[in-house]
Amino acid sequence: YEARKLAKGSDLRTDLPKYRIWKDGKLVEERSDICDLWTDDMQAFLIGCSFSWEDLLEQAGLTPRHVEEGKNVPMYDSNIGLVPVGPFRGHMVVSMRPYLPQNIQAASEITGAFVSAHGPPVQVGEPEAIGVADPLKPDYGDAVEVRDGEVPCFWACGVTPANALRNAKLPLAITHAPGHMFLADITTQDLKTWQVPGTWSSRPAKSQC
């Protein structure tokens, strides 16, 4: 339960602000400690998070709206299908940050440098193309203001694995609660050098990125 590469001395059973407990595909509980549920045969997986590069957006004058408003990032269930593996399948969850059209390229370039933390947007300006009916009504997190002239930009989100786990209907699975992630000791610049092995794509065919 120690994430040695990310934070020596860490404890994944207690170091997340909030956990979600899933049994047979159903969310049964949220809690801040999972020590009593952890067994020696369990394996934890940690993936990159868009929160890792939000300080760089802020430094570039592109502060995400939810940061400005002191809220959690808005997240949505999309229609972007996941590649099924065994019992694990479902659809991608996406997060949204609104930007003026002239700022989208800069935001895409900044985030695109972090392939291990979701990379560039998966969709820009056409929420309905990925099954998001109303950007002002997120499925997770908090709604944020989308101002006149701005367009919603969507990134892959780390809540996605929870959907796959839910659909797998495992007897027991534990995930982070949306917006309550593990904070590592490595720097943003360290993360920038990490590569994702293999070939993958999270871009739907009609993406306008």
C-alpha atoms as a PDB file:
ATOM      1  CA  TYR A   1       0.000   0.000   0.000  1.00  0.00           C
ATOM      2  CA  GLU A   2       3.041   2.320  -0.239  1.00  0.00           C
ATOM      3  CA  ALA A   3       3.361   4.246  -3.512  1.00  0.00           C
ATOM      4  CA  ARG A   4       7.154   4.143  -3.431  1.00  0.00           C
ATOM      5  CA  LYS A   5       7.837   5.864  -6.754  1.00  0.00           C
ATOM      6  CA  LEU A   6       5.361   8.659  -6.114  1.00  0.00           C
ATOM      7  CA  ALA A   7       5.759   9.241  -2.379  1.00  0.00           C
ATOM      8  CA  LYS A   8       8.032   7.228  -0.100  1.00  0.00           C
ATOM      9  CA  GLY A   9       6.379   6.423   3.196  1.00  0.00           C
ATOM     10  CA  SER A  10       2.895   6.977   1.811  1.00  0.00           C
ATOM     11  CA  ASP A  11      -0.081   4.846   2.758  1.00  0.00           C
ATOM     12  CA  LEU A  12      -2.761   4.427   0.108  1.00  0.00           C
ATOM     13  CA  ARG A  13      -5.180   3.239   2.775  1.00  0.00           C
ATOM     14  CA  THR A  14      -5.284   6.618   4.519  1.00  0.00           C
ATOM     15  CA  ASP A  15      -3.648   9.267   2.313  1.00  0.00           C
ATOM     16  CA  LEU A  16      -6.603  10.042   0.036  1.00  0.00           C
ATOM     17  CA  PRO A  17      -9.140  12.593   1.319  1.00  0.00           C
ATOM     18  CA  LYS A  18     -12.116  10.376   0.469  1.00  0.00           C
ATOM     19  CA  TYR A  19     -12.627   6.845  -0.842  1.00  0.00           C
ATOM     20  CA  ARG A  20     -15.604   5.187  -2.495  1.00  0.00           C
ATOM     21  CA  ILE A  21     -16.477   1.585  -1.657  1.00  0.00           C
ATOM     22  CA  TRP A  22     -18.121  -0.515  -4.382  1.00  0.00           C
ATOM     23  CA  LYS A  23     -19.704  -3.927  -3.852  1.00  0.00           C
ATOM     24  CA  ASP A  24     -21.112  -5.907  -6.781  1.00  0.00           C
ATOM     25  CA  GLY A  25     -21.083  -2.752  -8.897  1.00  0.00           C
ATOM     26  CA  LYS A  26     -22.981  -0.620  -6.393  1.00  0.00           C
ATOM     27  CA  LEU A  27     -21.631   2.341  -4.439  1.00  0.00           C
ATOM     28  CA  VAL A  28     -22.260   1.473  -0.800  1.00  0.00           C
ATOM     29  CA  GLU A  29     -20.131   3.895   1.172  1.00  0.00           C
ATOM     30  CA  GLU A  30     -17.741   6.846   1.215  1.00  0.00           C
ATOM     31  CA  ARG A  31     -15.070   7.095   3.888  1.00  0.00           C
ATOM     32  CA  SER A  32     -11.643   8.584   4.681  1.00  0.00           C
ATOM     33  CA  ASP A  33      -9.870   5.360   5.764  1.00  0.00           C
ATOM     34  CA  ILE A  34      -9.839   1.868   4.242  1.00  0.00           C
ATOM     35  CA  CYS A  35      -7.392   0.089   6.576  1.00  0.00           C
ATOM     36  CA  ASP A  36      -9.976  -2.445   7.686  1.00  0.00           C
ATOM     37  CA  LEU A  37     -10.856  -3.312   4.085  1.00  0.00           C
ATOM     38  CA  TRP A  38      -7.307  -3.716   2.772  1.00  0.00           C
ATOM     39  CA  THR A  39      -5.966  -7.241   2.328  1.00  0.00           C
ATOM     40  CA  ASP A  40      -2.490  -8.379   1.356  1.00  0.00           C
ATOM     41  CA  ASP A  41      -3.620  -9.657  -2.047  1.00  0.00           C
ATOM     42  CA  MET A  42      -4.962  -6.253  -3.148  1.00  0.00           C
ATOM     43  CA  GLN A  43      -3.254  -4.223  -5.878  1.00  0.00           C
ATOM     44  CA  ALA A  44      -3.536  -0.436  -6.201  1.00  0.00           C
ATOM     45  CA  PHE A  45      -3.355   1.444  -9.509  1.00  0.00           C
ATOM     46  CA  LEU A  46      -2.559   5.147  -9.683  1.00  0.00           C
ATOM     47  CA  ILE A  47      -3.070   7.155 -12.872  1.00  0.00           C
ATOM     48  CA  GLY A  48      -2.287  10.733 -13.816  1.00  0.00           C
ATOM     49  CA  CYS A  49      -4.670  13.574 -13.000  1.00  0.00           C
ATOM     50  CA  SER A  50      -5.535  16.847 -14.724  1.00  0.00           C
ATOM     51  CA  PHE A  51      -5.032  18.683 -11.425  1.00  0.00           C
ATOM     52  CA  SER A  52      -1.295  18.122 -12.014  1.00  0.00           C
ATOM     53  CA  TRP A  53      -1.080  20.781 -14.744  1.00  0.00           C
ATOM     54  CA  GLU A  54      -3.647  23.306 -13.590  1.00  0.00           C
ATOM     55  CA  ASP A  55      -0.982  25.457 -11.903  1.00  0.00           C
ATOM     56  CA  LEU A  56       0.734  25.769 -15.290  1.00  0.00           C
ATOM     57  CA  LEU A  57      -2.510  26.934 -16.872  1.00  0.00           C
ATOM     58  CA  GLU A  58      -2.815  29.511 -14.113  1.00  0.00           C
ATOM     59  CA  GLN A  59       0.742  30.713 -14.692  1.00  0.00           C
ATOM     60  CA  ALA A  60      -0.113  31.182 -18.367  1.00  0.00           C
ATOM     61  CA  GLY A  61      -3.127  33.318 -17.502  1.00  0.00           C
ATOM     62  CA  LEU A  62      -5.523  30.454 -18.247  1.00  0.00           C
ATOM     63  CA  THR A  63      -6.782  29.761 -14.735  1.00  0.00           C
ATOM     64  CA  PRO A  64      -9.460  27.037 -14.869  1.00  0.00           C
ATOM     65  CA  ARG A  65     -12.897  28.362 -13.996  1.00  0.00           C
ATOM     66  CA  HIS A  66     -13.462  25.957 -11.107  1.00  0.00           C
ATOM     67  CA  VAL A  67     -10.228  27.212  -9.524  1.00  0.00           C
ATOM     68  CA  GLU A  68     -11.433  30.805  -9.875  1.00  0.00           C
ATOM     69  CA  GLU A  69     -14.754  29.897  -8.293  1.00  0.00           C
ATOM     70  CA  GLY A  70     -13.292  27.685  -5.536  1.00  0.00           C
ATOM     71  CA  LYS A  71     -15.175  24.596  -6.722  1.00  0.00           C
ATOM     72  CA  ASN A  72     -14.487  21.029  -7.768  1.00  0.00           C
ATOM     73  CA  VAL A  73     -13.987  20.531 -11.512  1.00  0.00           C
ATOM     74  CA  PRO A  74     -17.180  19.618 -13.415  1.00  0.00           C
ATOM     75  CA  MET A  75     -17.162  16.041 -14.744  1.00  0.00           C
ATOM     76  CA  TYR A  76     -19.502  14.221 -17.116  1.00  0.00           C
ATOM     77  CA  ASP A  77     -20.316  10.744 -18.340  1.00  0.00           C
ATOM     78  CA  SER A  78     -19.563  10.691 -22.074  1.00  0.00           C
ATOM     79  CA  ASN A  79     -20.417   8.335 -24.933  1.00  0.00           C
ATOM     80  CA  ILE A  80     -16.733   7.690 -25.713  1.00  0.00           C
ATOM     81  CA  GLY A  81     -16.437   3.916 -25.434  1.00  0.00           C
ATOM     82  CA  LEU A  82     -13.590   2.252 -23.568  1.00  0.00           C
ATOM     83  CA  VAL A  83     -11.695  -0.688 -25.017  1.00  0.00           C
ATOM     84  CA  PRO A  84     -13.164  -3.655 -23.110  1.00  0.00           C
ATOM     85  CA  VAL A  85     -10.857  -6.040 -21.265  1.00  0.00           C
ATOM     86  CA  GLY A  86     -12.514  -9.004 -19.600  1.00  0.00           C
ATOM     87  CA  PRO A  87     -15.300  -7.696 -17.337  1.00  0.00           C
ATOM     88  CA  PHE A  88     -13.989  -4.126 -17.493  1.00  0.00           C
ATOM     89  CA  ARG A  89     -15.842  -1.882 -19.941  1.00  0.00           C
ATOM     90  CA  GLY A  90     -17.853   1.315 -20.093  1.00  0.00           C
ATOM     91  CA  HIS A  91     -17.484   4.926 -21.207  1.00  0.00           C
ATOM     92  CA  MET A  92     -15.024   7.704 -20.533  1.00  0.00           C
ATOM     93  CA  VAL A  93     -15.697  10.355 -17.910  1.00  0.00           C
ATOM     94  CA  VAL A  94     -14.520  13.803 -19.002  1.00  0.00           C
ATOM     95  CA  SER A  95     -13.753  17.008 -17.116  1.00  0.00           C
ATOM     96  CA  MET A  96     -14.544  20.461 -18.522  1.00  0.00           C
ATOM     97  CA  ARG A  97     -12.849  23.851 -18.521  1.00  0.00           C
ATOM     98  CA  PRO A  98     -14.320  26.712 -20.598  1.00  0.00           C
ATOM     99  CA  TYR A  99     -12.022  28.945 -22.668  1.00  0.00           C
ATOM    100  CA  LEU A 100     -12.247  31.640 -25.286  1.00  0.00           C
ATOM    101  CA  PRO A 101     -11.447  30.282 -28.775  1.00  0.00           C
ATOM    102  CA  GLN A 102      -8.165  32.231 -28.994  1.00  0.00           C
ATOM    103  CA  ASN A 103      -6.894  30.553 -25.790  1.00  0.00           C
ATOM    104  CA  ILE A 104      -7.702  26.947 -26.639  1.00  0.00           C
ATOM    105  CA  GLN A 105      -4.500  26.237 -28.562  1.00  0.00           C
ATOM    106  CA  ALA A 106      -2.325  27.411 -25.673  1.00  0.00           C
ATOM    107  CA  ALA A 107      -4.313  25.339 -23.169  1.00  0.00           C
ATOM    108  CA  SER A 108      -4.052  22.308 -25.439  1.00  0.00           C
ATOM    109  CA  GLU A 109      -0.282  22.698 -25.836  1.00  0.00           C
ATOM    110  CA  ILE A 110       0.295  23.060 -22.086  1.00  0.00           C
ATOM    111  CA  THR A 111      -1.782  20.029 -21.171  1.00  0.00           C
ATOM    112  CA  GLY A 112      -0.665  18.006 -24.188  1.00  0.00           C
ATOM    113  CA  ALA A 113       2.857  17.899 -22.783  1.00  0.00           C
ATOM    114  CA  PHE A 114       1.611  15.618 -19.990  1.00  0.00           C
ATOM    115  CA  VAL A 115       0.708  12.360 -21.688  1.00  0.00           C
ATOM    116  CA  SER A 116       0.701  10.558 -18.325  1.00  0.00           C
ATOM    117  CA  ALA A 117      -1.829  13.055 -16.934  1.00  0.00           C
ATOM    118  CA  HIS A 118      -4.563  12.895 -19.607  1.00  0.00           C
ATOM    119  CA  GLY A 119      -2.806  15.038 -22.216  1.00  0.00           C
ATOM    120  CA  PRO A 120      -4.700  17.495 -24.462  1.00  0.00           C
ATOM    121  CA  PRO A 121      -8.493  17.844 -24.719  1.00  0.00           C
ATOM    122  CA  VAL A 122     -10.485  14.966 -26.173  1.00  0.00           C
ATOM    123  CA  GLN A 123     -13.198  17.308 -27.467  1.00  0.00           C
ATOM    124  CA  VAL A 124     -13.611  21.054 -27.922  1.00  0.00           C
ATOM    125  CA  GLY A 125     -16.794  23.015 -28.493  1.00  0.00           C
ATOM    126  CA  GLU A 126     -19.224  20.202 -29.299  1.00  0.00           C
ATOM    127  CA  PRO A 127     -20.378  18.623 -26.024  1.00  0.00           C
ATOM    128  CA  GLU A 128     -23.252  16.841 -27.768  1.00  0.00           C
ATOM    129  CA  ALA A 129     -20.717  14.980 -29.958  1.00  0.00           C
ATOM    130  CA  ILE A 130     -19.524  13.101 -26.876  1.00  0.00           C
ATOM    131  CA  GLY A 131     -22.923  12.725 -25.240  1.00  0.00           C
ATOM    132  CA  VAL A 132     -22.812  15.720 -22.878  1.00  0.00           C
ATOM    133  CA  ALA A 133     -26.301  17.227 -23.087  1.00  0.00           C
ATOM    134  CA  ASP A 134     -25.702  20.266 -20.878  1.00  0.00           C
ATOM    135  CA  PRO A 135     -22.252  21.473 -19.735  1.00  0.00           C
ATOM    136  CA  LEU A 136     -23.975  23.365 -16.913  1.00  0.00           C
ATOM    137  CA  LYS A 137     -25.234  20.108 -15.383  1.00  0.00           C
ATOM    138  CA  PRO A 138     -22.234  17.877 -14.558  1.00  0.00           C
ATOM    139  CA  ASP A 139     -22.638  14.291 -13.400  1.00  0.00           C
ATOM    140  CA  TYR A 140     -19.867  14.743 -10.829  1.00  0.00           C
ATOM    141  CA  GLY A 141     -18.165  17.749  -9.241  1.00  0.00           C
ATOM    142  CA  ASP A 142     -19.605  21.252  -9.451  1.00  0.00           C
ATOM    143  CA  ALA A 143     -21.163  23.349 -12.203  1.00  0.00           C
ATOM    144  CA  VAL A 144     -19.142  26.408 -13.277  1.00  0.00           C
ATOM    145  CA  GLU A 145     -19.985  29.512 -15.256  1.00  0.00           C
ATOM    146  CA  VAL A 146     -19.478  29.410 -19.020  1.00  0.00           C
ATOM    147  CA  ARG A 147     -19.242  33.044 -20.094  1.00  0.00           C
ATOM    148  CA  ASP A 148     -20.306  34.637 -23.358  1.00  0.00           C
ATOM    149  CA  GLY A 149     -17.954  33.685 -26.165  1.00  0.00           C
ATOM    150  CA  GLU A 150     -16.392  30.760 -24.298  1.00  0.00           C
ATOM    151  CA  VAL A 151     -16.557  27.159 -25.462  1.00  0.00           C
ATOM    152  CA  PRO A 152     -16.415  24.044 -23.260  1.00  0.00           C
ATOM    153  CA  CYS A 153     -13.203  22.027 -23.567  1.00  0.00           C
ATOM    154  CA  PHE A 154     -13.193  18.432 -22.359  1.00  0.00           C
ATOM    155  CA  TRP A 155     -10.326  16.341 -21.023  1.00  0.00           C
ATOM    156  CA  ALA A 156     -10.143  12.648 -20.106  1.00  0.00           C
ATOM    157  CA  CYS A 157     -10.801  12.141 -16.402  1.00  0.00           C
ATOM    158  CA  GLY A 158      -9.536   9.786 -13.711  1.00  0.00           C
ATOM    159  CA  VAL A 159     -13.080   8.977 -12.628  1.00  0.00           C
ATOM    160  CA  THR A 160     -13.293   6.780 -15.749  1.00  0.00           C
ATOM    161  CA  PRO A 161     -11.888   3.644 -14.026  1.00  0.00           C
ATOM    162  CA  ALA A 162     -14.686   3.830 -11.448  1.00  0.00           C
ATOM    163  CA  ASN A 163     -17.183   3.367 -14.277  1.00  0.00           C
ATOM    164  CA  ALA A 164     -15.308   0.323 -15.534  1.00  0.00           C
ATOM    165  CA  LEU A 165     -15.153  -1.133 -12.033  1.00  0.00           C
ATOM    166  CA  ARG A 166     -18.842  -0.479 -11.494  1.00  0.00           C
ATOM    167  CA  ASN A 167     -19.702  -2.307 -14.696  1.00  0.00           C
ATOM    168  CA  ALA A 168     -17.438  -5.229 -13.772  1.00  0.00           C
ATOM    169  CA  LYS A 169     -19.537  -5.765 -10.618  1.00  0.00           C
ATOM    170  CA  LEU A 170     -16.617  -7.027  -8.555  1.00  0.00           C
ATOM    171  CA  PRO A 171     -17.388  -8.239  -5.028  1.00  0.00           C
ATOM    172  CA  LEU A 172     -15.283  -5.359  -3.670  1.00  0.00           C
ATOM    173  CA  ALA A 173     -13.531  -2.429  -5.301  1.00  0.00           C
ATOM    174  CA  ILE A 174     -12.208   0.813  -3.853  1.00  0.00           C
ATOM    175  CA  THR A 175     -11.709   4.074  -5.759  1.00  0.00           C
ATOM    176  CA  HIS A 176     -11.072   7.710  -4.924  1.00  0.00           C
ATOM    177  CA  ALA A 177     -14.146   9.906  -4.660  1.00  0.00           C
ATOM    178  CA  PRO A 178     -14.365  12.390  -7.565  1.00  0.00           C
ATOM    179  CA  GLY A 179     -12.082  15.336  -6.854  1.00  0.00           C
ATOM    180  CA  HIS A 180     -10.376  13.587  -3.915  1.00  0.00           C
ATOM    181  CA  MET A 181      -7.092  12.341  -5.320  1.00  0.00           C
ATOM    182  CA  PHE A 182      -3.731  11.135  -4.009  1.00  0.00           C
ATOM    183  CA  LEU A 183      -1.138  13.914  -3.680  1.00  0.00           C
ATOM    184  CA  ALA A 184       2.338  12.701  -4.675  1.00  0.00           C
ATOM    185  CA  ASP A 185       5.785  14.085  -3.868  1.00  0.00           C
ATOM    186  CA  ILE A 186       7.008  14.257  -7.462  1.00  0.00           C
ATOM    187  CA  THR A 187       6.958  17.618  -9.213  1.00  0.00           C
ATOM    188  CA  THR A 188       4.977  18.615 -12.284  1.00  0.00           C
ATOM    189  CA  GLN A 189       8.211  18.747 -14.246  1.00  0.00           C
ATOM    190  CA  ASP A 190       9.056  15.198 -13.129  1.00  0.00           C
ATOM    191  CA  LEU A 191       5.681  14.047 -14.396  1.00  0.00           C
ATOM    192  CA  LYS A 192       6.281  15.722 -17.736  1.00  0.00           C
ATOM    193  CA  THR A 193       9.082  13.247 -18.486  1.00  0.00           C
ATOM    194  CA  TRP A 194       6.948  10.157 -17.825  1.00  0.00           C
ATOM    195  CA  GLN A 195       5.823   8.334 -20.924  1.00  0.00           C
ATOM    196  CA  VAL A 196       2.774   6.145 -21.441  1.00  0.00           C
ATOM    197  CA  PRO A 197       3.842   2.758 -22.878  1.00  0.00           C
ATOM    198  CA  GLY A 198       2.193   1.354 -25.965  1.00  0.00           C
ATOM    199  CA  THR A 199      -0.180   3.024 -28.392  1.00  0.00           C
ATOM    200  CA  TRP A 200      -3.471   4.414 -27.209  1.00  0.00           C
ATOM    201  CA  SER A 201      -6.092   6.974 -28.114  1.00  0.00           C
ATOM    202  CA  SER A 202      -8.829   8.734 -26.174  1.00  0.00           C
ATOM    203  CA  ARG A 203      -9.914  10.887 -29.104  1.00  0.00           C
ATOM    204  CA  PRO A 204     -13.309  10.177 -30.655  1.00  0.00           C
ATOM    205  CA  ALA A 205     -13.495  10.336 -34.435  1.00  0.00           C
ATOM    206  CA  LYS A 206     -15.370  13.632 -34.510  1.00  0.00           C
ATOM    207  CA  SER A 207     -13.132  15.454 -32.043  1.00  0.00           C
ATOM    208  CA  GLN A 208     -12.480  19.064 -32.958  1.00  0.00           C
ATOM    209  CA  CYS A 209      -9.277  19.423 -30.929  1.00  0.00           C
END
